[in-house]
């Protein structure tokens, strides 16, 4: 009868009145919280592995890990793991598949070592797939990265092309005339400034020693129009063949021209060299005044080869 009374009291207390105090068959009073469903784990010291049976841990403040934190794949067929640990002053993320740390941080120097890194897309829109020759640059002030070829990186210097003149050209005129086979066609890969350097080897073939020098002038032209800044002049000293170390009638000198020219991506330009002889010899019979590369085709000495080089600096 006492047992039946106790059961009635329990049922009534839990279902009806949320009773918190119960009386046992021995007359003892017990206070319970029917809404409580947890245990104060702080009062316990585990003596074996704690199995949460797939339940989560939530609202944790600080977790103190004395050894490793091992992460398994959600795909149970993959048994490889990543392990977070700290060993002898180095924090690491260990990759069991590779058998080594994928990332390491030294506690003294804070030096971070990453075995490999990957940036899949750029900040440009639409995001471009990076080529293996591209470089990563800041895409915006938020630190996003954009992949670009080097020649499109602002301020980067890229050698575009270099040509040699192989023609045997004679220029004996007071007006600027194009030097044969000494031009380069360029379609700008990016918008920027083209730095052009031209080194022209000029010489005259002399049988007479008057006048004592010959003045030659050259200019770099774009699409047939001379660039005012691309102008150069040189003087070739004349003299008897015996007065020169090479003991020939080739008396060369070099004229170097440097100039800048703005280019726009996608547009095509033709850069050429034009020359003129400002001075003439006195002899009507032998007015040999040459400008450009005057080397017979059987000569292989590049000292006599004129050249032009273009370097792009992107905006």
C-alpha atoms as a PDB file:
ATOM      1  CA  UNK A   1       0.000   0.000   0.000  1.00  0.00           C
ATOM      2  CA  UNK A   2       2.870   2.387   0.823  1.00  0.00           C
ATOM      3  CA  UNK A   3       4.473   1.626  -2.568  1.00  0.00           C
ATOM      4  CA  UNK A   4       1.273   2.434  -4.401  1.00  0.00           C
ATOM      5  CA  UNK A   5       1.003   5.737  -2.532  1.00  0.00           C
ATOM      6  CA  UNK A   6       4.567   6.631  -3.483  1.00  0.00           C
ATOM      7  CA  UNK A   7       3.921   5.987  -7.156  1.00  0.00           C
ATOM      8  CA  UNK A   8       0.812   8.117  -7.051  1.00  0.00           C
ATOM      9  CA  UNK A   9       2.738  10.952  -5.444  1.00  0.00           C
ATOM     10  CA  UNK A  10       5.518  10.717  -8.059  1.00  0.00           C
ATOM     11  CA  UNK A  11       3.175  10.674 -11.004  1.00  0.00           C
ATOM     12  CA  UNK A  12       1.093  13.497  -9.674  1.00  0.00           C
ATOM     13  CA  UNK A  13       4.127  15.575  -8.829  1.00  0.00           C
ATOM     14  CA  UNK A  14       5.782  15.158 -12.232  1.00  0.00           C
ATOM     15  CA  UNK A  15       2.748  15.481 -14.423  1.00  0.00           C
ATOM     16  CA  UNK A  16       0.588  17.916 -12.562  1.00  0.00           C
ATOM     17  CA  UNK A  17       2.346  20.094 -10.079  1.00  0.00           C
ATOM     18  CA  UNK A  18       6.029  19.871 -11.092  1.00  0.00           C
ATOM     19  CA  UNK A  19       6.677  18.804  -7.483  1.00  0.00           C
ATOM     20  CA  UNK A  20      10.322  19.208  -6.513  1.00  0.00           C
ATOM     21  CA  UNK A  21      10.160  17.427  -3.097  1.00  0.00           C
ATOM     22  CA  UNK A  22       9.374  13.701  -2.771  1.00  0.00           C
ATOM     23  CA  UNK A  23       8.948  11.441   0.257  1.00  0.00           C
ATOM     24  CA  UNK A  24      10.382   7.951   0.048  1.00  0.00           C
ATOM     25  CA  UNK A  25       8.859   4.864   1.662  1.00  0.00           C
ATOM     26  CA  UNK A  26      11.242   5.422   4.515  1.00  0.00           C
ATOM     27  CA  UNK A  27       9.940   8.902   5.160  1.00  0.00           C
ATOM     28  CA  UNK A  28      12.930  10.699   3.613  1.00  0.00           C
ATOM     29  CA  UNK A  29      12.398  13.937   1.686  1.00  0.00           C
ATOM     30  CA  UNK A  30      14.178  14.231  -1.747  1.00  0.00           C
ATOM     31  CA  UNK A  31      14.350  17.448  -3.750  1.00  0.00           C
ATOM     32  CA  UNK A  32      14.522  16.993  -7.540  1.00  0.00           C
ATOM     33  CA  UNK A  33      14.500  19.262 -10.611  1.00  0.00           C
ATOM     34  CA  UNK A  34      12.326  17.544 -13.217  1.00  0.00           C
ATOM     35  CA  UNK A  35      13.710  19.960 -15.901  1.00  0.00           C
ATOM     36  CA  UNK A  36      17.340  19.112 -15.256  1.00  0.00           C
ATOM     37  CA  UNK A  37      18.861  16.766 -17.843  1.00  0.00           C
ATOM     38  CA  UNK A  38      22.622  17.166 -17.378  1.00  0.00           C
ATOM     39  CA  UNK A  39      25.481  16.338 -15.097  1.00  0.00           C
ATOM     40  CA  UNK A  40      28.119  18.648 -13.669  1.00  0.00           C
ATOM     41  CA  UNK A  41      31.143  17.134 -15.420  1.00  0.00           C
ATOM     42  CA  UNK A  42      33.387  19.574 -13.626  1.00  0.00           C
ATOM     43  CA  UNK A  43      33.028  17.477 -10.498  1.00  0.00           C
ATOM     44  CA  UNK A  44      34.327  14.367 -12.270  1.00  0.00           C
ATOM     45  CA  UNK A  45      37.735  13.104 -13.321  1.00  0.00           C
ATOM     46  CA  UNK A  46      37.540  10.673 -16.227  1.00  0.00           C
ATOM     47  CA  UNK A  47      39.352   7.370 -15.821  1.00  0.00           C
ATOM     48  CA  UNK A  48      38.758   6.207 -19.405  1.00  0.00           C
ATOM     49  CA  UNK A  49      37.951   7.573 -22.867  1.00  0.00           C
ATOM     50  CA  UNK A  50      34.878   9.796 -22.916  1.00  0.00           C
ATOM     51  CA  UNK A  51      32.481   8.578 -25.606  1.00  0.00           C
ATOM     52  CA  UNK A  52      29.874  11.166 -26.582  1.00  0.00           C
ATOM     53  CA  UNK A  53      28.130   8.666 -28.873  1.00  0.00           C
ATOM     54  CA  UNK A  54      28.104  11.144 -31.836  1.00  0.00           C
ATOM     55  CA  UNK A  55      26.750  14.013 -29.707  1.00  0.00           C
ATOM     56  CA  UNK A  56      28.142  17.525 -30.096  1.00  0.00           C
ATOM     57  CA  UNK A  57      29.951  19.715 -27.613  1.00  0.00           C
ATOM     58  CA  UNK A  58      28.493  23.208 -27.582  1.00  0.00           C
ATOM     59  CA  UNK A  59      29.107  26.464 -25.705  1.00  0.00           C
ATOM     60  CA  UNK A  60      32.673  25.486 -24.798  1.00  0.00           C
ATOM     61  CA  UNK A  61      34.743  28.426 -23.528  1.00  0.00           C
ATOM     62  CA  UNK A  62      38.368  27.270 -23.750  1.00  0.00           C
ATOM     63  CA  UNK A  63      39.645  23.834 -24.695  1.00  0.00           C
ATOM     64  CA  UNK A  64      43.010  22.780 -23.233  1.00  0.00           C
ATOM     65  CA  UNK A  65      44.610  20.026 -25.306  1.00  0.00           C
ATOM     66  CA  UNK A  66      47.686  18.382 -23.848  1.00  0.00           C
ATOM     67  CA  UNK A  67      48.592  16.255 -26.840  1.00  0.00           C
ATOM     68  CA  UNK A  68      46.836  15.915 -30.215  1.00  0.00           C
ATOM     69  CA  UNK A  69      43.534  16.843 -31.763  1.00  0.00           C
ATOM     70  CA  UNK A  70      42.906  14.328 -34.535  1.00  0.00           C
ATOM     71  CA  UNK A  71      40.397  14.922 -37.319  1.00  0.00           C
ATOM     72  CA  UNK A  72      38.914  12.051 -39.301  1.00  0.00           C
ATOM     73  CA  UNK A  73      37.297  12.296 -42.717  1.00  0.00           C
ATOM     74  CA  UNK A  74      33.505  12.521 -42.825  1.00  0.00           C
ATOM     75  CA  UNK A  75      33.840   9.937 -45.579  1.00  0.00           C
ATOM     76  CA  UNK A  76      34.508   6.870 -43.443  1.00  0.00           C
ATOM     77  CA  UNK A  77      36.055   5.080 -46.417  1.00  0.00           C
ATOM     78  CA  UNK A  78      38.986   7.531 -46.176  1.00  0.00           C
ATOM     79  CA  UNK A  79      41.084   6.591 -43.173  1.00  0.00           C
ATOM     80  CA  UNK A  80      43.615   9.450 -43.551  1.00  0.00           C
ATOM     81  CA  UNK A  81      43.599  12.117 -40.862  1.00  0.00           C
ATOM     82  CA  UNK A  82      44.848  15.597 -40.034  1.00  0.00           C
ATOM     83  CA  UNK A  83      46.276  16.093 -36.572  1.00  0.00           C
ATOM     84  CA  UNK A  84      46.798  19.405 -34.795  1.00  0.00           C
ATOM     85  CA  UNK A  85      49.631  19.312 -32.294  1.00  0.00           C
ATOM     86  CA  UNK A  86      52.499  21.246 -30.744  1.00  0.00           C
ATOM     87  CA  UNK A  87      55.844  19.543 -30.443  1.00  0.00           C
ATOM     88  CA  UNK A  88      59.102  21.038 -29.142  1.00  0.00           C
ATOM     89  CA  UNK A  89      57.976  24.618 -29.743  1.00  0.00           C
ATOM     90  CA  UNK A  90      56.472  24.018 -33.191  1.00  0.00           C
ATOM     91  CA  UNK A  91      52.757  24.107 -33.829  1.00  0.00           C
ATOM     92  CA  UNK A  92      51.844  21.854 -36.701  1.00  0.00           C
ATOM     93  CA  UNK A  93      49.060  20.388 -38.768  1.00  0.00           C
ATOM     94  CA  UNK A  94      50.118  16.841 -39.560  1.00  0.00           C
ATOM     95  CA  UNK A  95      48.913  15.112 -42.723  1.00  0.00           C
ATOM     96  CA  UNK A  96      48.867  11.355 -42.239  1.00  0.00           C
ATOM     97  CA  UNK A  97      48.638  10.786 -45.997  1.00  0.00           C
ATOM     98  CA  UNK A  98      51.878  12.694 -46.640  1.00  0.00           C
ATOM     99  CA  UNK A  99      53.524  11.576 -43.408  1.00  0.00           C
ATOM    100  CA  UNK A 100      54.606  15.150 -42.575  1.00  0.00           C
ATOM    101  CA  UNK A 101      53.330  18.510 -41.417  1.00  0.00           C
ATOM    102  CA  UNK A 102      51.377  20.421 -44.038  1.00  0.00           C
ATOM    103  CA  UNK A 103      51.851  23.598 -41.964  1.00  0.00           C
ATOM    104  CA  UNK A 104      54.326  24.469 -39.199  1.00  0.00           C
ATOM    105  CA  UNK A 105      54.673  27.585 -37.016  1.00  0.00           C
ATOM    106  CA  UNK A 106      57.751  28.174 -34.861  1.00  0.00           C
ATOM    107  CA  UNK A 107      56.824  29.677 -31.481  1.00  0.00           C
ATOM    108  CA  UNK A 108      60.040  31.718 -31.216  1.00  0.00           C
ATOM    109  CA  UNK A 109      60.309  33.256 -34.667  1.00  0.00           C
ATOM    110  CA  UNK A 110      56.646  32.909 -35.704  1.00  0.00           C
ATOM    111  CA  UNK A 111      58.006  31.679 -39.023  1.00  0.00           C
ATOM    112  CA  UNK A 112      55.287  29.827 -40.857  1.00  0.00           C
ATOM    113  CA  UNK A 113      56.162  27.044 -43.261  1.00  0.00           C
ATOM    114  CA  UNK A 114      53.597  25.810 -45.746  1.00  0.00           C
ATOM    115  CA  UNK A 115      54.442  22.781 -47.842  1.00  0.00           C
ATOM    116  CA  UNK A 116      52.283  24.013 -50.728  1.00  0.00           C
ATOM    117  CA  UNK A 117      49.870  26.840 -51.395  1.00  0.00           C
ATOM    118  CA  UNK A 118      47.198  27.402 -53.999  1.00  0.00           C
ATOM    119  CA  UNK A 119      45.126  30.374 -55.119  1.00  0.00           C
ATOM    120  CA  UNK A 120      42.530  29.095 -57.531  1.00  0.00           C
ATOM    121  CA  UNK A 121      40.979  32.298 -58.818  1.00  0.00           C
ATOM    122  CA  UNK A 122      41.672  35.976 -59.083  1.00  0.00           C
ATOM    123  CA  UNK A 123      39.775  38.996 -57.858  1.00  0.00           C
ATOM    124  CA  UNK A 124      39.111  40.103 -61.415  1.00  0.00           C
ATOM    125  CA  UNK A 125      35.649  39.627 -62.847  1.00  0.00           C
ATOM    126  CA  UNK A 126      35.083  37.196 -64.319  1.00  0.00           C
ATOM    127  CA  UNK A 127      37.688  35.292 -62.348  1.00  0.00           C
ATOM    128  CA  UNK A 128      40.371  34.041 -64.721  1.00  0.00           C
ATOM    129  CA  UNK A 129      42.061  30.676 -64.547  1.00  0.00           C
ATOM    130  CA  UNK A 130      45.743  31.309 -63.784  1.00  0.00           C
ATOM    131  CA  UNK A 131      48.303  30.183 -66.315  1.00  0.00           C
ATOM    132  CA  UNK A 132      51.513  28.592 -65.033  1.00  0.00           C
ATOM    133  CA  UNK A 133      53.438  31.713 -66.098  1.00  0.00           C
ATOM    134  CA  UNK A 134      51.165  34.200 -64.289  1.00  0.00           C
ATOM    135  CA  UNK A 135      51.988  36.022 -61.054  1.00  0.00           C
ATOM    136  CA  UNK A 136      49.669  36.921 -58.163  1.00  0.00           C
ATOM    137  CA  UNK A 137      49.183  40.616 -57.448  1.00  0.00           C
ATOM    138  CA  UNK A 138      46.894  42.628 -55.189  1.00  0.00           C
ATOM    139  CA  UNK A 139      43.548  42.861 -56.942  1.00  0.00           C
ATOM    140  CA  UNK A 140      42.079  45.475 -54.618  1.00  0.00           C
ATOM    141  CA  UNK A 141      42.609  47.219 -51.276  1.00  0.00           C
ATOM    142  CA  UNK A 142      40.888  44.356 -49.434  1.00  0.00           C
ATOM    143  CA  UNK A 143      43.790  42.043 -50.138  1.00  0.00           C
ATOM    144  CA  UNK A 144      42.091  39.943 -52.803  1.00  0.00           C
ATOM    145  CA  UNK A 145      44.492  38.448 -55.303  1.00  0.00           C
ATOM    146  CA  UNK A 146      44.390  38.683 -59.072  1.00  0.00           C
ATOM    147  CA  UNK A 147      46.384  36.505 -61.455  1.00  0.00           C
ATOM    148  CA  UNK A 148      48.100  38.328 -64.319  1.00  0.00           C
ATOM    149  CA  UNK A 149      50.853  37.712 -66.851  1.00  0.00           C
ATOM    150  CA  UNK A 150      53.973  39.623 -65.884  1.00  0.00           C
ATOM    151  CA  UNK A 151      53.731  42.044 -68.785  1.00  0.00           C
ATOM    152  CA  UNK A 152      50.375  43.272 -67.421  1.00  0.00           C
ATOM    153  CA  UNK A 153      51.599  43.933 -63.888  1.00  0.00           C
ATOM    154  CA  UNK A 154      51.867  47.668 -63.276  1.00  0.00           C
ATOM    155  CA  UNK A 155      55.494  48.788 -63.218  1.00  0.00           C
ATOM    156  CA  UNK A 156      56.848  45.396 -64.304  1.00  0.00           C
ATOM    157  CA  UNK A 157      59.539  45.419 -66.981  1.00  0.00           C
ATOM    158  CA  UNK A 158      59.210  42.899 -69.786  1.00  0.00           C
ATOM    159  CA  UNK A 159      61.537  42.484 -72.746  1.00  0.00           C
ATOM    160  CA  UNK A 160      59.266  42.355 -75.774  1.00  0.00           C
ATOM    161  CA  UNK A 161      61.526  41.903 -78.764  1.00  0.00           C
ATOM    162  CA  UNK A 162      64.960  42.528 -80.214  1.00  0.00           C
ATOM    163  CA  UNK A 163      65.903  42.641 -83.875  1.00  0.00           C
ATOM    164  CA  UNK A 164      69.144  42.858 -85.839  1.00  0.00           C
ATOM    165  CA  UNK A 165      69.706  44.592 -89.123  1.00  0.00           C
ATOM    166  CA  UNK A 166      71.177  42.261 -91.712  1.00  0.00           C
ATOM    167  CA  UNK A 167      70.845  44.442 -94.762  1.00  0.00           C
ATOM    168  CA  UNK A 168      73.654  46.075 -96.675  1.00  0.00           C
ATOM    169  CA  UNK A 169      72.178  49.547 -96.944  1.00  0.00           C
ATOM    170  CA  UNK A 170      73.510  52.733 -98.453  1.00  0.00           C
ATOM    171  CA  UNK A 171      72.005  56.033 -97.373  1.00  0.00           C
ATOM    172  CA  UNK A 172      73.480  59.061 -99.062  1.00  0.00           C
ATOM    173  CA  UNK A 173      70.803  61.685 -98.785  1.00  0.00           C
ATOM    174  CA  UNK A 174      70.086  64.768 -96.728  1.00  0.00           C
ATOM    175  CA  UNK A 175      66.533  63.589 -95.934  1.00  0.00           C
ATOM    176  CA  UNK A 176      65.616  60.850 -93.474  1.00  0.00           C
ATOM    177  CA  UNK A 177      65.154  57.578 -95.322  1.00  0.00           C
ATOM    178  CA  UNK A 178      64.198  54.166 -93.853  1.00  0.00           C
ATOM    179  CA  UNK A 179      67.041  51.688 -93.463  1.00  0.00           C
ATOM    180  CA  UNK A 180      66.160  48.487 -95.262  1.00  0.00           C
ATOM    181  CA  UNK A 181      65.205  45.425 -93.199  1.00  0.00           C
ATOM    182  CA  UNK A 182      65.583  47.340 -89.966  1.00  0.00           C
ATOM    183  CA  UNK A 183      62.069  47.532 -88.528  1.00  0.00           C
ATOM    184  CA  UNK A 184      59.967  45.601 -86.051  1.00  0.00           C
ATOM    185  CA  UNK A 185      56.229  45.043 -86.001  1.00  0.00           C
ATOM    186  CA  UNK A 186      54.731  44.952 -82.511  1.00  0.00           C
ATOM    187  CA  UNK A 187      51.188  44.347 -81.271  1.00  0.00           C
ATOM    188  CA  UNK A 188      51.158  45.702 -77.718  1.00  0.00           C
ATOM    189  CA  UNK A 189      50.295  42.911 -75.232  1.00  0.00           C
ATOM    190  CA  UNK A 190      49.393  45.517 -72.596  1.00  0.00           C
ATOM    191  CA  UNK A 191      48.911  49.252 -72.236  1.00  0.00           C
ATOM    192  CA  UNK A 192      52.010  51.021 -71.006  1.00  0.00           C
ATOM    193  CA  UNK A 193      55.220  52.699 -72.049  1.00  0.00           C
ATOM    194  CA  UNK A 194      57.631  51.115 -74.486  1.00  0.00           C
ATOM    195  CA  UNK A 195      61.310  51.772 -73.809  1.00  0.00           C
ATOM    196  CA  UNK A 196      63.155  51.579 -77.110  1.00  0.00           C
ATOM    197  CA  UNK A 197      66.889  51.336 -77.505  1.00  0.00           C
ATOM    198  CA  UNK A 198      68.523  51.361 -80.890  1.00  0.00           C
ATOM    199  CA  UNK A 199      72.238  50.894 -81.453  1.00  0.00           C
ATOM    200  CA  UNK A 200      73.256  51.707 -85.006  1.00  0.00           C
ATOM    201  CA  UNK A 201      76.636  50.797 -86.393  1.00  0.00           C
ATOM    202  CA  UNK A 202      77.635  53.279 -89.091  1.00  0.00           C
ATOM    203  CA  UNK A 203      80.703  53.366 -91.208  1.00  0.00           C
ATOM    204  CA  UNK A 204      82.029  54.854 -94.399  1.00  0.00           C
ATOM    205  CA  UNK A 205      84.358  53.336 -96.897  1.00  0.00           C
ATOM    206  CA  UNK A 206      87.084  55.883 -97.605  1.00  0.00           C
ATOM    207  CA  UNK A 207      89.626  56.235-100.315  1.00  0.00           C
ATOM    208  CA  UNK A 208      90.260  59.849 -99.468  1.00  0.00           C
ATOM    209  CA  UNK A 209      90.941  61.512 -96.138  1.00  0.00           C
ATOM    210  CA  UNK A 210      88.924  64.652 -96.712  1.00  0.00           C
ATOM    211  CA  UNK A 211      86.809  65.802 -95.021  1.00  0.00           C
ATOM    212  CA  UNK A 212      88.203  64.699 -91.657  1.00  0.00           C
ATOM    213  CA  UNK A 213      84.804  63.563 -90.347  1.00  0.00           C
ATOM    214  CA  UNK A 214      81.384  62.673 -91.652  1.00  0.00           C
ATOM    215  CA  UNK A 215      78.235  63.514 -89.683  1.00  0.00           C
ATOM    216  CA  UNK A 216      75.427  60.956 -89.747  1.00  0.00           C
ATOM    217  CA  UNK A 217      71.982  61.279 -88.170  1.00  0.00           C
ATOM    218  CA  UNK A 218      69.371  58.695 -87.276  1.00  0.00           C
ATOM    219  CA  UNK A 219      65.868  58.680 -85.819  1.00  0.00           C
ATOM    220  CA  UNK A 220      63.394  56.024 -84.675  1.00  0.00           C
ATOM    221  CA  UNK A 221      60.045  56.243 -86.460  1.00  0.00           C
ATOM    222  CA  UNK A 222      56.637  54.817 -85.556  1.00  0.00           C
ATOM    223  CA  UNK A 223      54.439  53.907 -88.495  1.00  0.00           C
ATOM    224  CA  UNK A 224      56.733  56.043 -90.668  1.00  0.00           C
ATOM    225  CA  UNK A 225      56.587  59.131 -88.441  1.00  0.00           C
ATOM    226  CA  UNK A 226      59.858  60.071 -86.668  1.00  0.00           C
ATOM    227  CA  UNK A 227      59.775  60.303 -82.858  1.00  0.00           C
ATOM    228  CA  UNK A 228      61.305  63.674 -81.920  1.00  0.00           C
ATOM    229  CA  UNK A 229      62.918  62.177 -78.817  1.00  0.00           C
ATOM    230  CA  UNK A 230      64.297  59.234 -80.791  1.00  0.00           C
ATOM    231  CA  UNK A 231      67.064  61.178 -82.485  1.00  0.00           C
ATOM    232  CA  UNK A 232      70.770  60.458 -82.551  1.00  0.00           C
ATOM    233  CA  UNK A 233      73.871  61.761 -84.264  1.00  0.00           C
ATOM    234  CA  UNK A 234      77.412  60.505 -84.664  1.00  0.00           C
ATOM    235  CA  UNK A 235      80.609  61.556 -86.356  1.00  0.00           C
ATOM    236  CA  UNK A 236      82.830  59.161 -88.247  1.00  0.00           C
ATOM    237  CA  UNK A 237      86.432  60.208 -88.308  1.00  0.00           C
ATOM    238  CA  UNK A 238      88.040  59.659 -91.653  1.00  0.00           C
ATOM    239  CA  UNK A 239      91.610  58.775 -92.380  1.00  0.00           C
ATOM    240  CA  UNK A 240      93.970  56.609 -94.328  1.00  0.00           C
ATOM    241  CA  UNK A 241      93.431  52.858 -94.115  1.00  0.00           C
ATOM    242  CA  UNK A 242      96.894  52.419 -92.628  1.00  0.00           C
ATOM    243  CA  UNK A 243      95.892  54.615 -89.695  1.00  0.00           C
ATOM    244  CA  UNK A 244      93.350  52.081 -88.400  1.00  0.00           C
ATOM    245  CA  UNK A 245      94.039  48.954 -86.416  1.00  0.00           C
ATOM    246  CA  UNK A 246      91.915  46.763 -88.670  1.00  0.00           C
ATOM    247  CA  UNK A 247      93.880  47.991 -91.743  1.00  0.00           C
ATOM    248  CA  UNK A 248      90.682  48.073 -93.789  1.00  0.00           C
ATOM    249  CA  UNK A 249      88.532  50.790 -95.238  1.00  0.00           C
ATOM    250  CA  UNK A 250      85.735  50.028 -92.742  1.00  0.00           C
ATOM    251  CA  UNK A 251      85.665  52.928 -90.271  1.00  0.00           C
ATOM    252  CA  UNK A 252      82.732  52.287 -87.921  1.00  0.00           C
ATOM    253  CA  UNK A 253      81.131  54.230 -85.127  1.00  0.00           C
ATOM    254  CA  UNK A 254      78.044  53.562 -83.025  1.00  0.00           C
ATOM    255  CA  UNK A 255      75.017  55.773 -82.458  1.00  0.00           C
ATOM    256  CA  UNK A 256      72.808  54.889 -79.486  1.00  0.00           C
ATOM    257  CA  UNK A 257      69.261  56.166 -79.279  1.00  0.00           C
ATOM    258  CA  UNK A 258      66.937  55.856 -76.275  1.00  0.00           C
ATOM    259  CA  UNK A 259      63.319  56.943 -76.348  1.00  0.00           C
ATOM    260  CA  UNK A 260      59.906  56.258 -74.810  1.00  0.00           C
ATOM    261  CA  UNK A 261      56.671  55.656 -76.634  1.00  0.00           C
ATOM    262  CA  UNK A 262      53.195  55.033 -75.113  1.00  0.00           C
ATOM    263  CA  UNK A 263      51.348  51.997 -76.467  1.00  0.00           C
ATOM    264  CA  UNK A 264      47.812  50.684 -76.102  1.00  0.00           C
ATOM    265  CA  UNK A 265      46.965  47.033 -75.647  1.00  0.00           C
ATOM    266  CA  UNK A 266      45.935  45.346 -78.880  1.00  0.00           C
ATOM    267  CA  UNK A 267      47.194  48.073 -81.206  1.00  0.00           C
ATOM    268  CA  UNK A 268      49.919  47.315 -83.755  1.00  0.00           C
ATOM    269  CA  UNK A 269      52.959  49.525 -84.273  1.00  0.00           C
ATOM    270  CA  UNK A 270      55.817  49.398 -86.758  1.00  0.00           C
ATOM    271  CA  UNK A 271      59.068  50.763 -85.361  1.00  0.00           C
ATOM    272  CA  UNK A 272      61.764  51.497 -87.905  1.00  0.00           C
ATOM    273  CA  UNK A 273      65.058  53.324 -88.161  1.00  0.00           C
ATOM    274  CA  UNK A 274      65.526  56.212 -90.585  1.00  0.00           C
ATOM    275  CA  UNK A 275      68.852  57.808 -91.434  1.00  0.00           C
ATOM    276  CA  UNK A 276      70.442  60.613 -93.385  1.00  0.00           C
ATOM    277  CA  UNK A 277      73.921  61.936 -94.097  1.00  0.00           C
ATOM    278  CA  UNK A 278      74.238  65.556 -93.153  1.00  0.00           C
ATOM    279  CA  UNK A 279      77.761  65.909 -94.559  1.00  0.00           C
ATOM    280  CA  UNK A 280      79.120  64.850 -97.900  1.00  0.00           C
ATOM    281  CA  UNK A 281      82.614  64.081 -99.070  1.00  0.00           C
ATOM    282  CA  UNK A 282      84.245  66.526-101.434  1.00  0.00           C
ATOM    283  CA  UNK A 283      84.986  63.921-104.057  1.00  0.00           C
ATOM    284  CA  UNK A 284      82.408  63.664-106.779  1.00  0.00           C
ATOM    285  CA  UNK A 285      83.882  60.366-107.845  1.00  0.00           C
ATOM    286  CA  UNK A 286      83.709  58.577-104.474  1.00  0.00           C
ATOM    287  CA  UNK A 287      80.964  60.002-102.261  1.00  0.00           C
ATOM    288  CA  UNK A 288      80.867  56.948 -99.987  1.00  0.00           C
ATOM    289  CA  UNK A 289      78.675  57.971 -97.076  1.00  0.00           C
ATOM    290  CA  UNK A 290      76.919  55.071 -95.406  1.00  0.00           C
ATOM    291  CA  UNK A 291      74.491  54.925 -92.486  1.00  0.00           C
ATOM    292  CA  UNK A 292      73.114  51.738 -90.959  1.00  0.00           C
ATOM    293  CA  UNK A 293      74.581  48.257 -91.075  1.00  0.00           C
ATOM    294  CA  UNK A 294      77.063  48.008 -93.869  1.00  0.00           C
ATOM    295  CA  UNK A 295      78.383  44.510 -93.544  1.00  0.00           C
ATOM    296  CA  UNK A 296      78.730  42.083 -96.422  1.00  0.00           C
ATOM    297  CA  UNK A 297      76.612  38.972 -95.985  1.00  0.00           C
ATOM    298  CA  UNK A 298      79.683  36.803 -95.457  1.00  0.00           C
ATOM    299  CA  UNK A 299      80.621  38.657 -92.258  1.00  0.00           C
ATOM    300  CA  UNK A 300      79.563  37.019 -88.967  1.00  0.00           C
ATOM    301  CA  UNK A 301      81.099  39.551 -86.584  1.00  0.00           C
ATOM    302  CA  UNK A 302      78.126  40.957 -84.622  1.00  0.00           C
ATOM    303  CA  UNK A 303      80.117  44.051 -83.782  1.00  0.00           C
ATOM    304  CA  UNK A 304      78.934  45.341 -87.134  1.00  0.00           C
ATOM    305  CA  UNK A 305      75.274  44.470 -86.536  1.00  0.00           C
ATOM    306  CA  UNK A 306      72.856  47.260 -85.680  1.00  0.00           C
ATOM    307  CA  UNK A 307      70.061  46.295 -83.324  1.00  0.00           C
ATOM    308  CA  UNK A 308      66.863  47.585 -81.814  1.00  0.00           C
ATOM    309  CA  UNK A 309      65.318  46.413 -78.541  1.00  0.00           C
ATOM    310  CA  UNK A 310      61.905  47.133 -77.013  1.00  0.00           C
ATOM    311  CA  UNK A 311      61.042  46.795 -73.302  1.00  0.00           C
ATOM    312  CA  UNK A 312      57.491  47.284 -72.025  1.00  0.00           C
ATOM    313  CA  UNK A 313      56.573  48.822 -68.649  1.00  0.00           C
ATOM    314  CA  UNK A 314      52.862  48.279 -68.035  1.00  0.00           C
ATOM    315  CA  UNK A 315      50.571  50.971 -66.636  1.00  0.00           C
END
